[in-house]
C-alpha atoms as a PDB file:
ATOM      1  CA  MET A   1      58.135-279.137 -70.243  1.00  0.00           C
ATOM      2  CA  SER A   2      57.581-275.707 -69.685  1.00  0.00           C
ATOM      3  CA  ARG A   3      55.468-273.895 -66.875  1.00  0.00           C
ATOM      4  CA  ALA A   4      52.797-272.926 -68.971  1.00  0.00           C
ATOM      5  CA  GLU A   5      52.571-276.789 -70.841  1.00  0.00           C
ATOM      6  CA  ARG A   6      52.524-277.872 -66.991  1.00  0.00           C
ATOM      7  CA  PHE A   7      49.974-275.532 -65.877  1.00  0.00           C
ATOM      8  CA  ALA A   8      47.908-276.565 -68.933  1.00  0.00           C
ATOM      9  CA  ALA A   9      48.023-280.307 -68.146  1.00  0.00           C
ATOM     10  CA  VAL A  10      46.652-279.444 -64.210  1.00  0.00           C
ATOM     11  CA  VAL A  11      43.762-277.364 -66.125  1.00  0.00           C
ATOM     12  CA  GLN A  12      42.986-279.834 -68.673  1.00  0.00           C
ATOM     13  CA  GLU A  13      42.678-282.288 -65.590  1.00  0.00           C
ATOM     14  CA  GLU A  14      40.174-280.414 -63.586  1.00  0.00           C
ATOM     15  CA  LEU A  15      38.221-278.993 -66.266  1.00  0.00           C
ATOM     16  CA  ALA A  16      37.726-282.992 -67.042  1.00  0.00           C
ATOM     17  CA  MET A  17      36.359-283.509 -64.199  1.00  0.00           C
ATOM     18  CA  LEU A  18      34.414-279.982 -63.318  1.00  0.00           C
ATOM     19  CA  LEU A  19      32.311-280.617 -66.654  1.00  0.00           C
ATOM     20  CA  GLY A  20      30.103-283.175 -65.170  1.00  0.00           C
ATOM     21  CA  GLU A  21      29.354-280.736 -62.758  1.00  0.00           C
ATOM     22  CA  VAL A  22      27.874-278.229 -64.987  1.00  0.00           C
ATOM     23  CA  LYS A  23      23.714-278.474 -64.794  1.00  0.00           C
ATOM     24  CA  ASP A  24      22.825-276.233 -68.052  1.00  0.00           C
ATOM     25  CA  PRO A  25      21.176-278.894 -70.385  1.00  0.00           C
ATOM     26  CA  ARG A  26      23.530-277.749 -73.457  1.00  0.00           C
ATOM     27  CA  VAL A  27      26.387-279.508 -71.704  1.00  0.00           C
ATOM     28  CA  SER A  28      25.092-281.801 -69.259  1.00  0.00           C
ATOM     29  CA  GLU A  29      22.888-283.609 -72.319  1.00  0.00           C
ATOM     30  CA  ALA A  30      25.549-283.327 -75.117  1.00  0.00           C
ATOM     31  CA  GLY A  31      26.722-286.794 -74.384  1.00  0.00           C
ATOM     32  CA  LEU A  32      30.602-287.856 -73.786  1.00  0.00           C
ATOM     33  CA  ILE A  33      32.491-284.886 -73.678  1.00  0.00           C
ATOM     34  CA  THR A  34      36.381-284.785 -74.030  1.00  0.00           C
ATOM     35  CA  VAL A  35      38.814-282.440 -72.598  1.00  0.00           C
ATOM     36  CA  THR A  36      41.499-283.578 -75.629  1.00  0.00           C
ATOM     37  CA  HIS A  37      44.141-280.269 -75.162  1.00  0.00           C
ATOM     38  CA  VAL A  38      44.425-277.245 -73.202  1.00  0.00           C
ATOM     39  CA  ARG A  39      46.981-274.843 -74.568  1.00  0.00           C
ATOM     40  CA  VAL A  40      47.489-271.768 -71.711  1.00  0.00           C
ATOM     41  CA  SER A  41      49.202-268.663 -73.023  1.00  0.00           C
ATOM     42  CA  ASP A  42      52.751-267.749 -71.169  1.00  0.00           C
ATOM     43  CA  ASP A  43      51.038-265.679 -69.176  1.00  0.00           C
ATOM     44  CA  LEU A  44      48.840-267.946 -67.697  1.00  0.00           C
ATOM     45  CA  GLY A  45      46.066-266.018 -68.773  1.00  0.00           C
ATOM     46  CA  VAL A  46      44.125-267.586 -71.409  1.00  0.00           C
ATOM     47  CA  ALA A  47      43.172-271.046 -71.895  1.00  0.00           C
ATOM     48  CA  ARG A  48      42.319-272.676 -75.201  1.00  0.00           C
ATOM     49  CA  VAL A  49      40.452-275.640 -74.513  1.00  0.00           C
ATOM     50  CA  LEU A  50      39.687-278.442 -77.394  1.00  0.00           C
ATOM     51  CA  LEU A  51      37.039-280.388 -76.762  1.00  0.00           C
ATOM     52  CA  THR A  52      35.474-283.542 -78.524  1.00  0.00           C
ATOM     53  CA  VAL A  53      31.845-284.569 -78.351  1.00  0.00           C
ATOM     54  CA  HIS A  54      31.083-288.285 -79.155  1.00  0.00           C
ATOM     55  CA  GLY A  55      27.954-289.027 -81.309  1.00  0.00           C
ATOM     56  CA  ALA A  56      26.981-285.280 -81.243  1.00  0.00           C
ATOM     57  CA  THR A  57      25.497-283.440 -84.196  1.00  0.00           C
ATOM     58  CA  GLU A  58      26.696-279.988 -85.470  1.00  0.00           C
ATOM     59  CA  LEU A  59      23.893-278.564 -84.024  1.00  0.00           C
ATOM     60  CA  GLU A  60      24.500-280.008 -80.802  1.00  0.00           C
ATOM     61  CA  GLN A  61      27.848-279.172 -81.163  1.00  0.00           C
ATOM     62  CA  ALA A  62      27.185-275.368 -81.496  1.00  0.00           C
ATOM     63  CA  LYS A  63      24.836-275.466 -78.303  1.00  0.00           C
ATOM     64  CA  LEU A  64      27.440-277.360 -76.386  1.00  0.00           C
ATOM     65  CA  LEU A  65      29.855-274.148 -77.248  1.00  0.00           C
ATOM     66  CA  GLU A  66      27.173-271.728 -76.093  1.00  0.00           C
ATOM     67  CA  GLY A  67      26.760-273.761 -73.035  1.00  0.00           C
ATOM     68  CA  LEU A  68      29.890-274.009 -71.848  1.00  0.00           C
ATOM     69  CA  LYS A  69      30.931-269.967 -72.758  1.00  0.00           C
ATOM     70  CA  SER A  70      27.684-269.379 -70.574  1.00  0.00           C
ATOM     71  CA  ALA A  71      29.042-271.712 -67.747  1.00  0.00           C
ATOM     72  CA  SER A  72      32.558-270.611 -67.936  1.00  0.00           C
ATOM     73  CA  SER A  73      32.560-267.981 -65.153  1.00  0.00           C
ATOM     74  CA  TYR A  74      31.406-270.807 -62.793  1.00  0.00           C
ATOM     75  CA  LEU A  75      34.087-273.131 -64.157  1.00  0.00           C
ATOM     76  CA  ARG A  76      36.537-270.603 -63.570  1.00  0.00           C
ATOM     77  CA  ARG A  77      35.546-270.293 -60.171  1.00  0.00           C
ATOM     78  CA  GLN A  78      36.016-274.128 -59.449  1.00  0.00           C
ATOM     79  CA  LEU A  79      39.004-273.978 -61.247  1.00  0.00           C
ATOM     80  CA  GLY A  80      40.956-271.092 -59.354  1.00  0.00           C
ATOM     81  CA  ARG A  81      39.670-273.387 -55.999  1.00  0.00           C
ATOM     82  CA  ALA A  82      40.987-276.681 -57.366  1.00  0.00           C
ATOM     83  CA  LEU A  83      44.198-274.789 -58.461  1.00  0.00           C
ATOM     84  CA  GLN A  84      45.044-272.503 -55.587  1.00  0.00           C
ATOM     85  CA  SER A  85      46.360-270.094 -58.208  1.00  0.00           C
ATOM     86  CA  LYS A  86      46.716-266.208 -57.425  1.00  0.00           C
ATOM     87  CA  LYS A  87      45.363-266.413 -61.738  1.00  0.00           C
ATOM     88  CA  VAL A  88      43.054-268.322 -63.219  1.00  0.00           C
ATOM     89  CA  PRO A  89      43.007-268.138 -66.813  1.00  0.00           C
ATOM     90  CA  GLU A  90      40.238-267.076 -69.240  1.00  0.00           C
ATOM     91  CA  LEU A  91      38.488-270.254 -70.610  1.00  0.00           C
ATOM     92  CA  ARG A  92      38.330-270.302 -74.630  1.00  0.00           C
ATOM     93  CA  PHE A  93      36.158-273.373 -75.650  1.00  0.00           C
ATOM     94  CA  HIS A  94      36.773-274.577 -79.390  1.00  0.00           C
ATOM     95  CA  LEU A  95      35.665-278.263 -80.879  1.00  0.00           C
ATOM     96  CA  ASP A  96      39.005-280.801 -81.734  1.00  0.00           C
ATOM     97  CA  GLU A  97      38.836-280.983 -85.402  1.00  0.00           C
ATOM     98  CA  THR A  98      41.867-283.377 -85.648  1.00  0.00           C
ATOM     99  CA  ASP A  99      39.803-286.738 -86.161  1.00  0.00           C
ATOM    100  CA  ALA A 100      37.711-284.814 -89.067  1.00  0.00           C
ATOM    101  CA  ARG A 101      41.014-283.620 -90.864  1.00  0.00           C
ATOM    102  CA  ALA A 102      42.920-286.662 -90.440  1.00  0.00           C
ATOM    103  CA  ASP A 103      39.593-288.760 -92.249  1.00  0.00           C
ATOM    104  CA  ARG A 104      39.419-286.288 -95.003  1.00  0.00           C
ATOM    105  CA  VAL A 105      43.258-286.457 -95.499  1.00  0.00           C
ATOM    106  CA  GLU A 106      43.008-290.297 -95.769  1.00  0.00           C
ATOM    107  CA  THR A 107      40.313-290.140 -98.236  1.00  0.00           C
ATOM    108  CA  LEU A 108      42.212-287.548-100.211  1.00  0.00           C
ATOM    109  CA  LEU A 109      45.128-289.813 -99.965  1.00  0.00           C
ATOM    110  CA  ARG A 110      42.645-293.244-101.223  1.00  0.00           C
ATOM    111  CA  GLU A 111      41.227-291.176-103.856  1.00  0.00           C
ATOM    112  CA  ILE A 112      44.528-290.309-105.137  1.00  0.00           C
ATOM    113  CA  ALA A 113      45.788-294.245-104.787  1.00  0.00           C
ATOM    114  CA  GLY A 114      42.655-295.209-106.893  1.00  0.00           C
ATOM    115  CA  GLU A 115      40.986-296.871-103.899  1.00  0.00           C
ATOM    116  CA  LYS A 116      37.255-296.914-102.938  1.00  0.00           C
ATOM    117  CA  PRO A 117      36.228-295.527 -99.456  1.00  0.00           C
ATOM    118  CA  GLY A 118      36.039-298.171 -97.066  1.00  0.00           C
ATOM    119  CA  GLU A 119      38.669-300.725 -99.252  1.00  0.00           C
ATOM    120  CA  LYS A 120      42.183-300.710 -98.216  1.00  0.00           C
ATOM    121  CA  LYS A 121      45.105-302.220-100.292  1.00  0.00           C
ATOM    122  CA  GLU A 122      47.460-305.019 -98.911  1.00  0.00           C
END
């Protein structure tokens, strides 16, 4: 495991806790937010944070990203205190669309196999 990967794991853990402290209603009222993955650049300067929001519409997800962008300086400051690191990465928040893509691929494969949606072959 590289230094950046270890650092990303710590950032992910800390951010998961810090998101509950954000007072911006776009974030606090968004519902259950899960930090699914963090990728940190090799120089530890940028962290790409992937999130899922359970039960949120596209509009609510967009508002959440705006709220997180607005709260990023607060989150960086808190992250810096928690990490006690000289370098705190710039936070870039993105929605994790892995599940949606997997569902789409599964649907396409079923269509190719001639199954109806929701039906499973034995």
